[in-house]
């Protein structure tokens, strides 16, 4: 699988202890994989961002800040960050894997619009995470 020019193999061990199983999401900057922590025997999410030569320092700082901020937050509404690393070709972080669906998926299922009660429930969960 190609992630910003970085070649990753599903089923292969990634940075010492994680076995990549499948891609579960991608954004403008990174790809997230479902993986297995072979050392602890638990599922994790691995976020991988290939080095961006044109914005290398700014991208590295932003990714590092995200990992540090995520590691400090202790809230059931925010994914826990377990580990962060920098390789020759990428930055990565191992995070708690949360099974389920995204807010975007929930909105799509609801026809693009939540009921007032569902909107309030989602807003409260978001506010707890931001707190």
C-alpha atoms as a PDB file:
ATOM      1  CA  UNK A   1       0.000   0.000   0.000  1.00  0.00           C
ATOM      2  CA  UNK A   2       1.285   3.454  -0.915  1.00  0.00           C
ATOM      3  CA  UNK A   3       1.083   6.196   1.752  1.00  0.00           C
ATOM      4  CA  UNK A   4       2.444   9.444   0.366  1.00  0.00           C
ATOM      5  CA  UNK A   5       5.107   7.563  -1.597  1.00  0.00           C
ATOM      6  CA  UNK A   6       5.877   5.272   1.361  1.00  0.00           C
ATOM      7  CA  UNK A   7       5.371   1.574   0.540  1.00  0.00           C
ATOM      8  CA  UNK A   8       3.739  -0.379   3.393  1.00  0.00           C
ATOM      9  CA  UNK A   9       2.807  -4.066   3.302  1.00  0.00           C
ATOM     10  CA  UNK A  10      -0.311  -5.318   5.038  1.00  0.00           C
ATOM     11  CA  UNK A  11       0.432  -8.333   7.216  1.00  0.00           C
ATOM     12  CA  UNK A  12       4.012  -7.174   7.651  1.00  0.00           C
ATOM     13  CA  UNK A  13       5.522  -6.024  10.913  1.00  0.00           C
ATOM     14  CA  UNK A  14       5.705  -2.250  11.190  1.00  0.00           C
ATOM     15  CA  UNK A  15       8.264  -0.582  13.458  1.00  0.00           C
ATOM     16  CA  UNK A  16       9.244  -3.434  15.745  1.00  0.00           C
ATOM     17  CA  UNK A  17       5.945  -4.575  17.206  1.00  0.00           C
ATOM     18  CA  UNK A  18       2.903  -3.711  15.110  1.00  0.00           C
ATOM     19  CA  UNK A  19       1.429  -5.866  12.363  1.00  0.00           C
ATOM     20  CA  UNK A  20      -0.628  -3.834   9.888  1.00  0.00           C
ATOM     21  CA  UNK A  21      -3.956  -5.496   9.091  1.00  0.00           C
ATOM     22  CA  UNK A  22      -5.880  -3.046   6.905  1.00  0.00           C
ATOM     23  CA  UNK A  23      -6.398   0.610   6.137  1.00  0.00           C
ATOM     24  CA  UNK A  24      -9.343   2.081   8.059  1.00  0.00           C
ATOM     25  CA  UNK A  25      -9.127   5.720   7.025  1.00  0.00           C
ATOM     26  CA  UNK A  26      -7.166   8.377   5.243  1.00  0.00           C
ATOM     27  CA  UNK A  27      -7.077  12.123   5.271  1.00  0.00           C
ATOM     28  CA  UNK A  28      -5.121  14.860   3.611  1.00  0.00           C
ATOM     29  CA  UNK A  29      -1.950  14.179   5.585  1.00  0.00           C
ATOM     30  CA  UNK A  30      -2.042  10.642   7.007  1.00  0.00           C
ATOM     31  CA  UNK A  31      -3.422   7.123   6.726  1.00  0.00           C
ATOM     32  CA  UNK A  32      -4.768   5.126   9.668  1.00  0.00           C
ATOM     33  CA  UNK A  33      -4.423   1.356   9.849  1.00  0.00           C
ATOM     34  CA  UNK A  34      -5.982  -1.264  12.024  1.00  0.00           C
ATOM     35  CA  UNK A  35      -3.006  -3.160  13.425  1.00  0.00           C
ATOM     36  CA  UNK A  36      -2.075  -5.656  16.084  1.00  0.00           C
ATOM     37  CA  UNK A  37       0.405  -4.953  18.856  1.00  0.00           C
ATOM     38  CA  UNK A  38       2.189  -8.310  18.702  1.00  0.00           C
ATOM     39  CA  UNK A  39       4.004  -7.684  21.985  1.00  0.00           C
ATOM     40  CA  UNK A  40       0.859  -7.018  24.058  1.00  0.00           C
ATOM     41  CA  UNK A  41      -1.615  -8.928  21.885  1.00  0.00           C
ATOM     42  CA  UNK A  42      -4.091  -6.089  21.441  1.00  0.00           C
ATOM     43  CA  UNK A  43      -5.616  -4.286  18.473  1.00  0.00           C
ATOM     44  CA  UNK A  44      -4.419  -0.723  17.883  1.00  0.00           C
ATOM     45  CA  UNK A  45      -4.771   2.040  15.332  1.00  0.00           C
ATOM     46  CA  UNK A  46      -1.544   3.158  13.657  1.00  0.00           C
ATOM     47  CA  UNK A  47      -1.534   6.624  12.113  1.00  0.00           C
ATOM     48  CA  UNK A  48       1.196   7.011   9.499  1.00  0.00           C
ATOM     49  CA  UNK A  49       2.283  10.195   7.774  1.00  0.00           C
ATOM     50  CA  UNK A  50       4.917  10.031   5.078  1.00  0.00           C
ATOM     51  CA  UNK A  51       7.604  12.697   5.265  1.00  0.00           C
ATOM     52  CA  UNK A  52       6.648  15.747   3.252  1.00  0.00           C
ATOM     53  CA  UNK A  53       9.861  17.247   1.897  1.00  0.00           C
ATOM     54  CA  UNK A  54       8.291  20.616   1.100  1.00  0.00           C
ATOM     55  CA  UNK A  55       6.959  21.101   4.644  1.00  0.00           C
ATOM     56  CA  UNK A  56       9.166  18.636   6.525  1.00  0.00           C
ATOM     57  CA  UNK A  57       9.809  20.620   9.707  1.00  0.00           C
ATOM     58  CA  UNK A  58       6.308  22.080  10.021  1.00  0.00           C
ATOM     59  CA  UNK A  59       4.722  18.660   9.340  1.00  0.00           C
ATOM     60  CA  UNK A  60       6.984  16.937  11.859  1.00  0.00           C
ATOM     61  CA  UNK A  61       6.229  19.525  14.545  1.00  0.00           C
ATOM     62  CA  UNK A  62       2.465  19.310  13.932  1.00  0.00           C
ATOM     63  CA  UNK A  63       2.467  15.503  14.055  1.00  0.00           C
ATOM     64  CA  UNK A  64       4.677  15.472  17.166  1.00  0.00           C
ATOM     65  CA  UNK A  65       2.422  18.033  18.888  1.00  0.00           C
ATOM     66  CA  UNK A  66      -0.658  15.920  18.072  1.00  0.00           C
ATOM     67  CA  UNK A  67       0.991  12.837  19.597  1.00  0.00           C
ATOM     68  CA  UNK A  68       2.074  14.702  22.753  1.00  0.00           C
ATOM     69  CA  UNK A  69      -1.327  16.334  23.212  1.00  0.00           C
ATOM     70  CA  UNK A  70      -3.120  13.033  22.698  1.00  0.00           C
ATOM     71  CA  UNK A  71      -0.869  11.268  25.197  1.00  0.00           C
ATOM     72  CA  UNK A  72      -1.653  13.848  27.913  1.00  0.00           C
ATOM     73  CA  UNK A  73      -5.432  13.669  27.581  1.00  0.00           C
ATOM     74  CA  UNK A  74      -7.229  11.167  29.782  1.00  0.00           C
ATOM     75  CA  UNK A  75     -10.865  11.164  28.672  1.00  0.00           C
ATOM     76  CA  UNK A  76     -13.165   8.419  27.430  1.00  0.00           C
ATOM     77  CA  UNK A  77     -14.182  10.717  24.548  1.00  0.00           C
ATOM     78  CA  UNK A  78     -10.623  11.060  23.204  1.00  0.00           C
ATOM     79  CA  UNK A  79      -8.521   8.285  21.686  1.00  0.00           C
ATOM     80  CA  UNK A  80      -5.459   7.430  23.809  1.00  0.00           C
ATOM     81  CA  UNK A  81      -2.020   7.683  22.215  1.00  0.00           C
ATOM     82  CA  UNK A  82       0.239   4.786  23.258  1.00  0.00           C
ATOM     83  CA  UNK A  83       3.440   5.448  21.355  1.00  0.00           C
ATOM     84  CA  UNK A  84       4.973   7.853  18.842  1.00  0.00           C
ATOM     85  CA  UNK A  85       7.904   7.405  16.532  1.00  0.00           C
ATOM     86  CA  UNK A  86       9.833   8.867  13.678  1.00  0.00           C
ATOM     87  CA  UNK A  87      11.371   6.726  10.983  1.00  0.00           C
ATOM     88  CA  UNK A  88      13.514   7.478   8.001  1.00  0.00           C
ATOM     89  CA  UNK A  89      10.451   7.845   5.765  1.00  0.00           C
ATOM     90  CA  UNK A  90       7.515   8.593   8.079  1.00  0.00           C
ATOM     91  CA  UNK A  91       6.113   9.699  11.403  1.00  0.00           C
ATOM     92  CA  UNK A  92       3.704   7.378  13.154  1.00  0.00           C
ATOM     93  CA  UNK A  93       1.710   6.960  16.334  1.00  0.00           C
ATOM     94  CA  UNK A  94       0.050   3.936  17.886  1.00  0.00           C
ATOM     95  CA  UNK A  95      -3.348   4.736  19.376  1.00  0.00           C
ATOM     96  CA  UNK A  96      -6.283   3.097  21.042  1.00  0.00           C
ATOM     97  CA  UNK A  97      -8.488   1.400  18.460  1.00  0.00           C
ATOM     98  CA  UNK A  98     -12.116   2.437  18.837  1.00  0.00           C
ATOM     99  CA  UNK A  99     -14.530   0.169  17.010  1.00  0.00           C
ATOM    100  CA  UNK A 100     -17.669   1.703  15.633  1.00  0.00           C
ATOM    101  CA  UNK A 101     -18.487   4.523  13.274  1.00  0.00           C
ATOM    102  CA  UNK A 102     -17.421   8.106  12.717  1.00  0.00           C
ATOM    103  CA  UNK A 103     -19.508  11.221  13.232  1.00  0.00           C
ATOM    104  CA  UNK A 104     -19.592  11.590   9.444  1.00  0.00           C
ATOM    105  CA  UNK A 105     -20.982   8.040   9.134  1.00  0.00           C
ATOM    106  CA  UNK A 106     -23.647   8.793  11.763  1.00  0.00           C
ATOM    107  CA  UNK A 107     -24.675  11.954   9.917  1.00  0.00           C
ATOM    108  CA  UNK A 108     -24.889  10.098   6.624  1.00  0.00           C
ATOM    109  CA  UNK A 109     -27.033   7.383   8.225  1.00  0.00           C
ATOM    110  CA  UNK A 110     -29.294  10.107   9.639  1.00  0.00           C
ATOM    111  CA  UNK A 111     -29.804  11.569   6.179  1.00  0.00           C
ATOM    112  CA  UNK A 112     -27.394  14.456   6.745  1.00  0.00           C
ATOM    113  CA  UNK A 113     -29.283  15.896   9.700  1.00  0.00           C
ATOM    114  CA  UNK A 114     -29.515  14.876  13.353  1.00  0.00           C
ATOM    115  CA  UNK A 115     -32.639  15.267  15.432  1.00  0.00           C
ATOM    116  CA  UNK A 116     -32.230  17.968  18.093  1.00  0.00           C
ATOM    117  CA  UNK A 117     -31.812  15.298  20.798  1.00  0.00           C
ATOM    118  CA  UNK A 118     -29.137  13.401  18.794  1.00  0.00           C
ATOM    119  CA  UNK A 119     -27.342  16.671  17.998  1.00  0.00           C
ATOM    120  CA  UNK A 120     -27.268  17.513  21.708  1.00  0.00           C
ATOM    121  CA  UNK A 121     -25.915  14.041  22.590  1.00  0.00           C
ATOM    122  CA  UNK A 122     -23.139  14.323  19.993  1.00  0.00           C
ATOM    123  CA  UNK A 123     -22.329  17.888  21.095  1.00  0.00           C
ATOM    124  CA  UNK A 124     -22.026  16.807  24.730  1.00  0.00           C
ATOM    125  CA  UNK A 125     -19.612  14.008  23.790  1.00  0.00           C
ATOM    126  CA  UNK A 126     -17.527  16.445  21.737  1.00  0.00           C
ATOM    127  CA  UNK A 127     -17.541  18.990  24.582  1.00  0.00           C
ATOM    128  CA  UNK A 128     -16.339  16.339  27.075  1.00  0.00           C
ATOM    129  CA  UNK A 129     -13.453  15.516  24.780  1.00  0.00           C
ATOM    130  CA  UNK A 130     -12.542  19.195  24.339  1.00  0.00           C
ATOM    131  CA  UNK A 131     -12.767  19.859  28.063  1.00  0.00           C
END
